[in-house]
Amino acid sequence: MIKISTSIIILLLINSYFFICLGQIKIPSKFKKIEFPTIGSEEWFLLNWSNLEYSVKKRSNKLDVSINIIQDEIEYKLSDGKLISTYNPGPEKFIFQPKDPLLKKIEIKLGNIVFIYSIKSEIL
Protein backbone atom coordinates (compact mmCIF):
# COMPACT_ATOMS: atom_id res chain seq x y z
CA MET A 1 0.00 0.00 0.00
CA ILE A 2 2.86 2.38 0.83
CA LYS A 3 4.58 1.63 -2.50
CA ILE A 4 1.38 2.47 -4.41
CA SER A 5 0.88 5.73 -2.46
CA THR A 6 4.51 6.73 -3.02
CA SER A 7 4.22 5.99 -6.75
CA ILE A 8 1.05 8.08 -7.01
CA ILE A 9 2.68 10.99 -5.17
CA ILE A 10 5.75 10.85 -7.43
CA LEU A 11 3.54 10.78 -10.56
CA LEU A 12 1.53 13.75 -9.26
CA LEU A 13 4.72 15.72 -8.59
CA ILE A 14 6.09 15.01 -12.07
CA ASN A 15 2.75 15.88 -13.64
CA SER A 16 2.57 19.15 -11.65
CA TYR A 17 6.09 20.08 -12.78
CA PHE A 18 5.14 19.77 -16.45
CA PHE A 19 1.93 21.76 -16.08
CA ILE A 20 3.41 24.53 -13.92
CA CYS A 21 6.95 24.96 -15.25
CA LEU A 22 6.50 24.15 -18.91
CA GLY A 23 3.15 25.93 -19.24
CA GLN A 24 4.58 29.37 -18.48
CA ILE A 25 5.15 31.96 -21.19
CA LYS A 26 8.79 32.92 -21.63
CA ILE A 27 9.10 36.73 -21.51
CA PRO A 28 11.99 38.15 -23.58
CA SER A 29 14.97 39.23 -21.44
CA LYS A 30 14.96 42.77 -22.91
CA PHE A 31 11.49 43.42 -21.48
CA LYS A 32 11.15 45.35 -18.27
CA LYS A 33 8.04 45.76 -16.18
CA ILE A 34 6.88 49.33 -15.64
CA GLU A 35 3.80 50.83 -14.05
CA PHE A 36 1.10 51.97 -16.46
CA PRO A 37 0.85 55.78 -16.53
CA THR A 38 -2.10 57.48 -14.85
CA ILE A 39 -4.94 57.93 -17.32
CA GLY A 40 -5.02 61.51 -18.59
CA SER A 41 -1.43 62.25 -17.55
CA GLU A 42 1.20 63.62 -19.95
CA GLU A 43 2.96 60.22 -20.02
CA TRP A 44 -0.34 58.51 -20.86
CA PHE A 45 -0.97 60.85 -23.84
CA LEU A 46 2.59 60.32 -25.11
CA LEU A 47 2.11 56.55 -24.95
CA ASN A 48 -1.40 56.62 -26.39
CA TRP A 49 -0.47 58.80 -29.38
CA SER A 50 2.95 57.29 -30.05
CA ASN A 51 3.87 56.23 -33.59
CA LEU A 52 5.59 53.16 -32.16
CA GLU A 53 3.11 50.30 -32.33
CA TYR A 54 3.95 46.71 -31.55
CA SER A 55 2.22 43.43 -32.25
CA VAL A 56 2.44 40.69 -29.60
CA LYS A 57 1.51 37.08 -30.38
CA LYS A 58 1.90 33.86 -28.42
CA ARG A 59 3.73 31.21 -30.48
CA SER A 60 5.10 27.93 -29.13
CA ASN A 61 4.58 29.19 -25.57
CA LYS A 62 6.78 32.26 -26.21
CA LEU A 63 5.93 35.89 -26.84
CA ASP A 64 6.63 37.01 -30.40
CA VAL A 65 6.96 40.81 -30.50
CA SER A 66 7.28 42.77 -33.73
CA ILE A 67 6.79 46.33 -34.91
CA ASN A 68 3.24 46.78 -36.17
CA ILE A 69 2.97 48.10 -39.71
CA ILE A 70 -0.10 50.23 -40.43
CA GLN A 71 -2.07 48.67 -43.28
CA ASP A 72 -4.50 50.27 -45.72
CA GLU A 73 -7.07 47.62 -44.88
CA ILE A 74 -7.56 45.53 -41.76
CA GLU A 75 -9.57 42.29 -41.84
CA TYR A 76 -10.98 40.21 -39.00
CA LYS A 77 -12.40 36.84 -40.07
CA LEU A 78 -15.64 35.57 -38.56
CA SER A 79 -17.50 32.31 -39.13
CA ASP A 80 -20.08 33.96 -41.42
CA GLY A 81 -17.92 36.63 -43.07
CA LYS A 82 -15.35 39.25 -42.15
CA LEU A 83 -15.06 42.71 -40.67
CA ILE A 84 -13.09 45.12 -42.84
CA SER A 85 -11.74 48.53 -41.90
CA THR A 86 -10.32 50.72 -44.65
CA TYR A 87 -7.57 52.97 -43.37
CA ASN A 88 -6.45 55.10 -46.30
CA PRO A 89 -6.95 58.57 -47.76
CA GLY A 90 -10.57 59.04 -48.71
CA PRO A 91 -13.73 57.87 -46.99
CA GLU A 92 -12.68 55.47 -44.25
CA LYS A 93 -15.25 52.74 -43.62
CA PHE A 94 -15.90 49.87 -41.25
CA ILE A 95 -17.94 47.17 -43.01
CA PHE A 96 -19.11 43.58 -42.65
CA GLN A 97 -18.67 41.42 -45.76
CA PRO A 98 -20.72 38.19 -45.61
CA LYS A 99 -19.25 34.94 -46.97
CA ASP A 100 -22.35 34.47 -49.11
CA PRO A 101 -21.65 36.41 -52.34
CA LEU A 102 -25.40 36.98 -52.82
CA LEU A 103 -25.58 39.11 -49.66
CA LYS A 104 -24.59 42.79 -49.70
CA LYS A 105 -21.81 44.34 -47.64
CA ILE A 106 -23.08 46.12 -44.53
CA GLU A 107 -21.56 49.50 -43.69
CA ILE A 108 -21.27 49.63 -39.90
CA LYS A 109 -19.61 53.01 -39.48
CA LEU A 110 -17.84 55.79 -41.32
CA GLY A 111 -14.49 56.69 -39.80
CA ASN A 112 -11.22 54.95 -39.20
CA ILE A 113 -10.93 51.78 -37.15
CA VAL A 114 -7.22 51.19 -36.67
CA PHE A 115 -7.32 47.90 -34.72
CA ILE A 116 -9.68 44.92 -34.65
CA TYR A 117 -8.85 42.20 -32.12
CA SER A 118 -10.51 39.82 -29.71
CA ILE A 119 -9.98 39.18 -26.02
CA LYS A 120 -11.86 36.42 -24.22
CA SER A 121 -14.14 35.82 -27.24
CA GLU A 122 -15.17 39.49 -27.51
CA ILE A 123 -14.29 41.68 -30.48
CA LEU A 124 -12.77 45.02 -29.51
C-alpha atoms as a PDB file:
ATOM      1  CA  MET A   1       0.000   0.000   0.000  1.00  0.00           C
ATOM      2  CA  ILE A   2       2.860   2.383   0.832  1.00  0.00           C
ATOM      3  CA  LYS A   3       4.581   1.626  -2.500  1.00  0.00           C
ATOM      4  CA  ILE A   4       1.385   2.474  -4.411  1.00  0.00           C
ATOM      5  CA  SER A   5       0.883   5.728  -2.463  1.00  0.00           C
ATOM      6  CA  THR A   6       4.513   6.733  -3.022  1.00  0.00           C
ATOM      7  CA  SER A   7       4.217   5.991  -6.750  1.00  0.00           C
ATOM      8  CA  ILE A   8       1.050   8.077  -7.014  1.00  0.00           C
ATOM      9  CA  ILE A   9       2.678  10.994  -5.172  1.00  0.00           C
ATOM     10  CA  ILE A  10       5.747  10.853  -7.433  1.00  0.00           C
ATOM     11  CA  LEU A  11       3.543  10.778 -10.556  1.00  0.00           C
ATOM     12  CA  LEU A  12       1.525  13.746  -9.264  1.00  0.00           C
ATOM     13  CA  LEU A  13       4.723  15.721  -8.591  1.00  0.00           C
ATOM     14  CA  ILE A  14       6.093  15.012 -12.074  1.00  0.00           C
ATOM     15  CA  ASN A  15       2.750  15.885 -13.640  1.00  0.00           C
ATOM     16  CA  SER A  16       2.573  19.150 -11.646  1.00  0.00           C
ATOM     17  CA  TYR A  17       6.088  20.079 -12.781  1.00  0.00           C
ATOM     18  CA  PHE A  18       5.144  19.767 -16.453  1.00  0.00           C
ATOM     19  CA  PHE A  19       1.925  21.758 -16.076  1.00  0.00           C
ATOM     20  CA  ILE A  20       3.406  24.527 -13.919  1.00  0.00           C
ATOM     21  CA  CYS A  21       6.946  24.962 -15.254  1.00  0.00           C
ATOM     22  CA  LEU A  22       6.501  24.150 -18.913  1.00  0.00           C
ATOM     23  CA  GLY A  23       3.145  25.934 -19.244  1.00  0.00           C
ATOM     24  CA  GLN A  24       4.575  29.370 -18.481  1.00  0.00           C
ATOM     25  CA  ILE A  25       5.151  31.963 -21.193  1.00  0.00           C
ATOM     26  CA  LYS A  26       8.792  32.919 -21.633  1.00  0.00           C
ATOM     27  CA  ILE A  27       9.105  36.730 -21.508  1.00  0.00           C
ATOM     28  CA  PRO A  28      11.992  38.155 -23.578  1.00  0.00           C
ATOM     29  CA  SER A  29      14.973  39.227 -21.443  1.00  0.00           C
ATOM     30  CA  LYS A  30      14.963  42.772 -22.907  1.00  0.00           C
ATOM     31  CA  PHE A  31      11.492  43.417 -21.480  1.00  0.00           C
ATOM     32  CA  LYS A  32      11.149  45.350 -18.266  1.00  0.00           C
ATOM     33  CA  LYS A  33       8.038  45.763 -16.180  1.00  0.00           C
ATOM     34  CA  ILE A  34       6.880  49.330 -15.637  1.00  0.00           C
ATOM     35  CA  GLU A  35       3.798  50.827 -14.052  1.00  0.00           C
ATOM     36  CA  PHE A  36       1.103  51.967 -16.460  1.00  0.00           C
ATOM     37  CA  PRO A  37       0.849  55.785 -16.525  1.00  0.00           C
ATOM     38  CA  THR A  38      -2.096  57.481 -14.847  1.00  0.00           C
ATOM     39  CA  ILE A  39      -4.943  57.926 -17.323  1.00  0.00           C
ATOM     40  CA  GLY A  40      -5.025  61.505 -18.588  1.00  0.00           C
ATOM     41  CA  SER A  41      -1.427  62.255 -17.551  1.00  0.00           C
ATOM     42  CA  GLU A  42       1.197  63.619 -19.953  1.00  0.00           C
ATOM     43  CA  GLU A  43       2.955  60.217 -20.021  1.00  0.00           C
ATOM     44  CA  TRP A  44      -0.339  58.513 -20.863  1.00  0.00           C
ATOM     45  CA  PHE A  45      -0.973  60.854 -23.836  1.00  0.00           C
ATOM     46  CA  LEU A  46       2.587  60.325 -25.109  1.00  0.00           C
ATOM     47  CA  LEU A  47       2.111  56.551 -24.950  1.00  0.00           C
ATOM     48  CA  ASN A  48      -1.402  56.620 -26.394  1.00  0.00           C
ATOM     49  CA  TRP A  49      -0.473  58.804 -29.382  1.00  0.00           C
ATOM     50  CA  SER A  50       2.950  57.290 -30.048  1.00  0.00           C
ATOM     51  CA  ASN A  51       3.872  56.233 -33.585  1.00  0.00           C
ATOM     52  CA  LEU A  52       5.594  53.158 -32.165  1.00  0.00           C
ATOM     53  CA  GLU A  53       3.108  50.304 -32.333  1.00  0.00           C
ATOM     54  CA  TYR A  54       3.952  46.708 -31.547  1.00  0.00           C
ATOM     55  CA  SER A  55       2.215  43.428 -32.245  1.00  0.00           C
ATOM     56  CA  VAL A  56       2.436  40.688 -29.602  1.00  0.00           C
ATOM     57  CA  LYS A  57       1.515  37.083 -30.376  1.00  0.00           C
ATOM     58  CA  LYS A  58       1.901  33.861 -28.419  1.00  0.00           C
ATOM     59  CA  ARG A  59       3.731  31.211 -30.479  1.00  0.00           C
ATOM     60  CA  SER A  60       5.099  27.933 -29.130  1.00  0.00           C
ATOM     61  CA  ASN A  61       4.584  29.187 -25.574  1.00  0.00           C
ATOM     62  CA  LYS A  62       6.780  32.257 -26.207  1.00  0.00           C
ATOM     63  CA  LEU A  63       5.930  35.894 -26.839  1.00  0.00           C
ATOM     64  CA  ASP A  64       6.626  37.011 -30.398  1.00  0.00           C
ATOM     65  CA  VAL A  65       6.964  40.808 -30.496  1.00  0.00           C
ATOM     66  CA  SER A  66       7.282  42.766 -33.731  1.00  0.00           C
ATOM     67  CA  ILE A  67       6.795  46.332 -34.914  1.00  0.00           C
ATOM     68  CA  ASN A  68       3.243  46.781 -36.170  1.00  0.00           C
ATOM     69  CA  ILE A  69       2.969  48.104 -39.715  1.00  0.00           C
ATOM     70  CA  ILE A  70      -0.104  50.229 -40.430  1.00  0.00           C
ATOM     71  CA  GLN A  71      -2.066  48.671 -43.276  1.00  0.00           C
ATOM     72  CA  ASP A  72      -4.500  50.273 -45.718  1.00  0.00           C
ATOM     73  CA  GLU A  73      -7.068  47.617 -44.880  1.00  0.00           C
ATOM     74  CA  ILE A  74      -7.565  45.526 -41.757  1.00  0.00           C
ATOM     75  CA  GLU A  75      -9.570  42.292 -41.839  1.00  0.00           C
ATOM     76  CA  TYR A  76     -10.977  40.213 -38.999  1.00  0.00           C
ATOM     77  CA  LYS A  77     -12.404  36.842 -40.073  1.00  0.00           C
ATOM     78  CA  LEU A  78     -15.643  35.574 -38.562  1.00  0.00           C
ATOM     79  CA  SER A  79     -17.502  32.310 -39.134  1.00  0.00           C
ATOM     80  CA  ASP A  80     -20.076  33.956 -41.419  1.00  0.00           C
ATOM     81  CA  GLY A  81     -17.921  36.635 -43.075  1.00  0.00           C
ATOM     82  CA  LYS A  82     -15.345  39.245 -42.150  1.00  0.00           C
ATOM     83  CA  LEU A  83     -15.057  42.714 -40.667  1.00  0.00           C
ATOM     84  CA  ILE A  84     -13.086  45.119 -42.842  1.00  0.00           C
ATOM     85  CA  SER A  85     -11.737  48.527 -41.901  1.00  0.00           C
ATOM     86  CA  THR A  86     -10.323  50.720 -44.652  1.00  0.00           C
ATOM     87  CA  TYR A  87      -7.566  52.974 -43.374  1.00  0.00           C
ATOM     88  CA  ASN A  88      -6.452  55.096 -46.305  1.00  0.00           C
ATOM     89  CA  PRO A  89      -6.951  58.574 -47.759  1.00  0.00           C
ATOM     90  CA  GLY A  90     -10.568  59.043 -48.710  1.00  0.00           C
ATOM     91  CA  PRO A  91     -13.732  57.874 -46.994  1.00  0.00           C
ATOM     92  CA  GLU A  92     -12.678  55.468 -44.255  1.00  0.00           C
ATOM     93  CA  LYS A  93     -15.251  52.745 -43.619  1.00  0.00           C
ATOM     94  CA  PHE A  94     -15.898  49.867 -41.254  1.00  0.00           C
ATOM     95  CA  ILE A  95     -17.938  47.172 -43.007  1.00  0.00           C
ATOM     96  CA  PHE A  96     -19.109  43.583 -42.653  1.00  0.00           C
ATOM     97  CA  GLN A  97     -18.675  41.423 -45.759  1.00  0.00           C
ATOM     98  CA  PRO A  98     -20.725  38.188 -45.615  1.00  0.00           C
ATOM     99  CA  LYS A  99     -19.251  34.936 -46.968  1.00  0.00           C
ATOM    100  CA  ASP A 100     -22.349  34.472 -49.105  1.00  0.00           C
ATOM    101  CA  PRO A 101     -21.655  36.414 -52.343  1.00  0.00           C
ATOM    102  CA  LEU A 102     -25.402  36.979 -52.823  1.00  0.00           C
ATOM    103  CA  LEU A 103     -25.576  39.106 -49.659  1.00  0.00           C
ATOM    104  CA  LYS A 104     -24.589  42.789 -49.697  1.00  0.00           C
ATOM    105  CA  LYS A 105     -21.811  44.337 -47.635  1.00  0.00           C
ATOM    106  CA  ILE A 106     -23.083  46.119 -44.535  1.00  0.00           C
ATOM    107  CA  GLU A 107     -21.563  49.500 -43.691  1.00  0.00           C
ATOM    108  CA  ILE A 108     -21.270  49.629 -39.903  1.00  0.00           C
ATOM    109  CA  LYS A 109     -19.612  53.005 -39.477  1.00  0.00           C
ATOM    110  CA  LEU A 110     -17.835  55.792 -41.317  1.00  0.00           C
ATOM    111  CA  GLY A 111     -14.488  56.687 -39.804  1.00  0.00           C
ATOM    112  CA  ASN A 112     -11.215  54.954 -39.198  1.00  0.00           C
ATOM    113  CA  ILE A 113     -10.933  51.785 -37.149  1.00  0.00           C
ATOM    114  CA  VAL A 114      -7.217  51.192 -36.670  1.00  0.00           C
ATOM    115  CA  PHE A 115      -7.325  47.899 -34.721  1.00  0.00           C
ATOM    116  CA  ILE A 116      -9.682  44.920 -34.646  1.00  0.00           C
ATOM    117  CA  TYR A 117      -8.852  42.200 -32.120  1.00  0.00           C
ATOM    118  CA  SER A 118     -10.506  39.821 -29.705  1.00  0.00           C
ATOM    119  CA  ILE A 119      -9.984  39.179 -26.021  1.00  0.00           C
ATOM    120  CA  LYS A 120     -11.863  36.418 -24.217  1.00  0.00           C
ATOM    121  CA  SER A 121     -14.136  35.823 -27.236  1.00  0.00           C
ATOM    122  CA  GLU A 122     -15.174  39.493 -27.505  1.00  0.00           C
ATOM    123  CA  ILE A 123     -14.289  41.675 -30.480  1.00  0.00           C
ATOM    124  CA  LEU A 124     -12.767  45.018 -29.507  1.00  0.00           C
END
